[in-house]
N, C-alpha and C. Protein backbone atom coordinates (compact mmCIF):
# COMPACT_ATOMS: atom_id res chain seq x y z
N MET A 1 0.82 -1.21 0.00
CA MET A 1 0.00 0.07 -0.11
C MET A 1 0.88 1.22 0.04
N GLY A 2 1.94 1.12 0.60
CA GLY A 2 3.02 2.31 0.75
C GLY A 2 3.42 2.87 -0.70
N TYR A 3 3.68 1.69 -1.56
CA TYR A 3 4.14 1.87 -2.99
C TYR A 3 3.05 2.78 -3.76
N LEU A 4 1.93 2.48 -3.66
CA LEU A 4 0.63 3.03 -4.42
C LEU A 4 0.72 4.48 -3.95
N ARG A 5 0.66 4.62 -2.59
CA ARG A 5 0.52 5.98 -2.04
C ARG A 5 1.84 6.84 -2.45
N GLY A 6 2.95 6.20 -2.62
CA GLY A 6 4.12 7.03 -3.10
C GLY A 6 4.08 7.52 -4.36
N LEU A 7 3.51 6.34 -5.25
CA LEU A 7 3.18 6.65 -6.69
C LEU A 7 2.22 7.77 -6.95
N THR A 8 1.19 7.66 -6.19
CA THR A 8 0.31 8.69 -6.30
C THR A 8 0.75 10.12 -5.87
N HIS A 9 1.58 10.32 -4.77
CA HIS A 9 2.07 11.42 -4.48
C HIS A 9 3.06 11.98 -5.28
N GLY A 10 3.90 11.04 -5.97
CA GLY A 10 4.75 11.65 -7.13
C GLY A 10 4.04 11.92 -8.23
N ALA A 11 3.08 11.29 -8.82
CA ALA A 11 2.21 11.92 -9.86
C ALA A 11 1.91 13.25 -9.59
N ILE A 12 1.09 13.43 -8.36
CA ILE A 12 0.40 14.87 -8.09
C ILE A 12 1.56 15.87 -7.99
N ALA A 13 2.43 15.52 -7.52
CA ALA A 13 3.85 16.44 -7.62
C ALA A 13 4.36 16.77 -8.97
N GLY A 14 4.24 15.75 -9.74
CA GLY A 14 4.76 16.07 -11.09
C GLY A 14 3.96 16.85 -11.81
N VAL A 15 2.52 16.77 -11.76
CA VAL A 15 1.46 17.60 -12.53
C VAL A 15 1.73 18.85 -11.84
N VAL A 16 1.92 19.16 -10.47
CA VAL A 16 1.95 20.41 -10.13
C VAL A 16 3.15 21.15 -10.68
N LEU A 17 4.22 20.55 -10.66
CA LEU A 17 5.58 21.05 -11.11
C LEU A 17 5.47 21.37 -12.71
N GLY A 18 4.69 20.51 -13.18
CA GLY A 18 4.55 20.70 -14.81
C GLY A 18 3.76 21.83 -14.97
N LEU A 19 2.74 22.36 -14.34
CA LEU A 19 2.01 23.36 -14.45
C LEU A 19 2.72 24.51 -14.07
N LEU A 20 3.53 24.43 -13.04
CA LEU A 20 4.26 25.84 -12.76
C LEU A 20 5.29 26.18 -13.76
N TYR A 21 5.94 25.03 -14.41
CA TYR A 21 7.05 25.38 -15.32
C TYR A 21 6.69 25.45 -16.79
N ALA A 22 5.14 25.30 -17.05
CA ALA A 22 4.72 25.46 -18.33
C ALA A 22 5.02 26.54 -19.27
N PRO A 23 5.31 26.33 -20.31
CA PRO A 23 5.69 27.70 -21.12
C PRO A 23 4.36 28.47 -21.83
N GLU A 24 3.25 28.01 -21.31
CA GLU A 24 2.29 29.00 -21.71
C GLU A 24 1.92 30.03 -20.61
N PRO A 25 1.47 31.08 -21.12
CA PRO A 25 0.95 32.19 -20.02
C PRO A 25 -0.11 31.90 -19.23
N GLY A 26 -0.23 32.38 -17.96
CA GLY A 26 -1.27 31.95 -17.15
C GLY A 26 -2.88 31.81 -17.63
N VAL A 27 -3.10 32.92 -18.22
CA VAL A 27 -4.49 32.80 -18.63
C VAL A 27 -4.82 31.60 -19.54
N SER A 28 -4.04 31.40 -20.68
CA SER A 28 -4.42 30.09 -21.52
C SER A 28 -4.30 28.84 -20.74
N MET A 29 -3.11 28.89 -19.74
CA MET A 29 -3.10 27.58 -18.94
C MET A 29 -4.42 27.38 -18.03
N ARG A 30 -4.94 28.52 -17.53
CA ARG A 30 -5.99 28.19 -16.77
C ARG A 30 -7.10 27.79 -17.76
N ARG A 31 -7.42 28.30 -18.73
CA ARG A 31 -8.43 27.99 -19.85
C ARG A 31 -8.38 26.44 -19.92
N ARG A 32 -7.16 26.21 -20.34
CA ARG A 32 -6.85 24.54 -20.60
C ARG A 32 -7.15 23.77 -19.47
N VAL A 33 -6.39 23.91 -18.20
CA VAL A 33 -7.05 23.23 -17.25
C VAL A 33 -8.44 23.19 -16.88
N SER A 34 -9.18 24.37 -17.00
CA SER A 34 -10.60 24.27 -16.85
C SER A 34 -11.09 23.59 -18.00
N ARG A 35 -10.90 23.55 -19.01
CA ARG A 35 -11.44 22.65 -20.06
C ARG A 35 -11.34 21.05 -19.91
N LEU A 36 -10.04 20.85 -19.56
CA LEU A 36 -9.87 19.40 -19.17
C LEU A 36 -10.56 18.99 -17.96
N LEU A 37 -10.90 19.64 -16.97
CA LEU A 37 -11.51 19.30 -15.68
C LEU A 37 -13.07 19.35 -16.12
N GLY A 38 -13.36 20.18 -17.04
CA GLY A 38 -14.82 19.95 -17.33
C GLY A 38 -15.01 18.71 -18.13
N GLN A 39 -14.08 18.41 -19.24
CA GLN A 39 -14.03 16.94 -19.71
C GLN A 39 -14.29 15.96 -18.71
N GLY A 40 -13.18 15.86 -17.77
CA GLY A 40 -13.21 14.96 -16.84
C GLY A 40 -14.44 14.81 -16.05
N GLU A 41 -15.27 15.85 -15.68
CA GLU A 41 -16.28 15.90 -15.16
C GLU A 41 -17.56 15.22 -15.80
N GLY A 42 -17.59 15.71 -17.15
CA GLY A 42 -18.47 14.95 -18.02
C GLY A 42 -18.33 13.50 -18.22
N MET A 43 -17.32 13.07 -18.37
CA MET A 43 -16.78 11.65 -18.76
C MET A 43 -17.29 10.85 -17.09
N LEU A 44 -17.11 11.67 -15.98
CA LEU A 44 -17.46 10.84 -14.92
C LEU A 44 -18.97 10.68 -14.73
N ALA A 45 -19.46 11.98 -14.88
CA ALA A 45 -21.26 12.15 -14.88
C ALA A 45 -21.56 10.88 -15.90
N ALA A 46 -21.12 10.69 -17.08
CA ALA A 46 -21.71 9.81 -18.21
C ALA A 46 -21.25 8.31 -17.53
N GLU A 47 -20.30 8.16 -16.92
CA GLU A 47 -19.92 6.86 -16.67
C GLU A 47 -20.88 6.15 -15.38
N GLU A 48 -21.27 7.53 -14.53
CA GLU A 48 -22.24 7.14 -13.44
C GLU A 48 -23.67 6.70 -13.96
N SER A 49 -24.08 7.60 -15.11
CA SER A 49 -25.39 7.26 -15.58
C SER A 49 -25.60 6.20 -16.52
N GLY A 50 -24.37 5.66 -17.04
CA GLY A 50 -24.38 4.72 -17.88
C GLY A 50 -24.62 4.95 -19.40
N THR A 51 -24.52 6.22 -19.59
CA THR A 51 -24.62 6.49 -21.13
C THR A 51 -23.10 6.66 -21.78
N PRO A 52 -23.13 6.10 -22.88
CA PRO A 52 -21.77 6.57 -23.69
C PRO A 52 -21.80 7.69 -24.05
N VAL A 53 -20.57 8.32 -23.93
CA VAL A 53 -20.27 9.71 -24.30
C VAL A 53 -18.85 9.81 -25.33
N ALA A 54 -19.19 10.54 -26.51
CA ALA A 54 -18.54 10.67 -27.54
C ALA A 54 -17.33 11.58 -26.99
N PRO A 55 -16.18 11.25 -27.45
CA PRO A 55 -15.11 12.18 -27.24
C PRO A 55 -15.21 13.51 -27.70
N PRO A 56 -14.96 14.60 -27.09
CA PRO A 56 -15.11 15.86 -27.60
C PRO A 56 -14.20 16.33 -28.94
N ALA A 57 -14.60 17.04 -29.66
CA ALA A 57 -13.73 17.37 -30.87
C ALA A 57 -12.55 18.37 -30.40
N PRO A 58 -11.22 17.84 -30.99
CA PRO A 58 -10.30 19.04 -30.55
C PRO A 58 -10.44 20.21 -30.99
N ARG A 59 -10.06 21.04 -30.11
CA ARG A 59 -10.35 22.76 -30.67
C ARG A 59 -9.09 23.27 -31.54
N ARG A 60 -9.27 23.96 -32.53
CA ARG A 60 -8.18 24.42 -33.32
C ARG A 60 -7.81 25.69 -32.77
N ARG A 61 -6.48 25.90 -33.01
CA ARG A 61 -6.01 27.64 -32.57
C ARG A 61 -6.25 28.27 -33.82
N THR A 62 -6.75 29.41 -33.57
CA THR A 62 -6.93 30.37 -34.64
C THR A 62 -5.54 31.27 -34.77
N VAL A 63 -5.23 31.52 -35.87
CA VAL A 63 -4.08 32.41 -36.38
C VAL A 63 -4.49 33.61 -36.14
N GLY A 64 -3.69 34.38 -35.54
CA GLY A 64 -3.98 35.77 -35.55
C GLY A 64 -5.06 36.20 -34.31
N GLY A 65 -5.34 35.34 -33.52
CA GLY A 65 -6.44 35.34 -32.19
C GLY A 65 -5.64 36.17 -31.31
N ALA A 66 -6.36 36.53 -30.32
CA ALA A 66 -5.82 37.27 -29.08
C ALA A 66 -4.87 36.32 -28.16
N GLU A 67 -5.11 35.01 -28.29
CA GLU A 67 -4.08 34.37 -27.44
C GLU A 67 -2.76 34.36 -28.15
N SER A 68 -2.50 34.39 -29.56
CA SER A 68 -1.45 34.44 -30.08
C SER A 68 -0.59 35.81 -30.32
N ARG A 69 -0.99 36.63 -29.81
CA ARG A 69 -0.24 38.05 -29.79
C ARG A 69 0.22 38.05 -28.65
N ALA A 70 1.64 38.42 -28.83
CA ALA A 70 2.40 38.61 -27.71
C ALA A 70 2.46 40.13 -27.39
N ARG A 71 2.74 40.60 -26.20
CA ARG A 71 2.75 41.97 -25.79
C ARG A 71 4.22 42.20 -25.75
N ARG A 72 4.58 43.20 -26.40
CA ARG A 72 5.80 43.67 -26.63
C ARG A 72 6.08 45.04 -25.98
N PRO A 73 7.33 45.35 -25.28
CA PRO A 73 7.57 46.44 -24.45
C PRO A 73 7.76 47.63 -25.41
């Protein structure tokens, strides 16, 4: 049981460090995490109700959108 606990704690620490050192700005990272958590909640809700859920279509990044513009001093 100790091995499983250590593995879980290591995975959580890895995710937290990965988010902290991610090369994306904070706003887009928060949007991404929010979207992934929403997908996870939807999958769990569908699993509990027993109805199959189709995977969501991947979102495409738009060229020239507000997220792709970098602020320059």
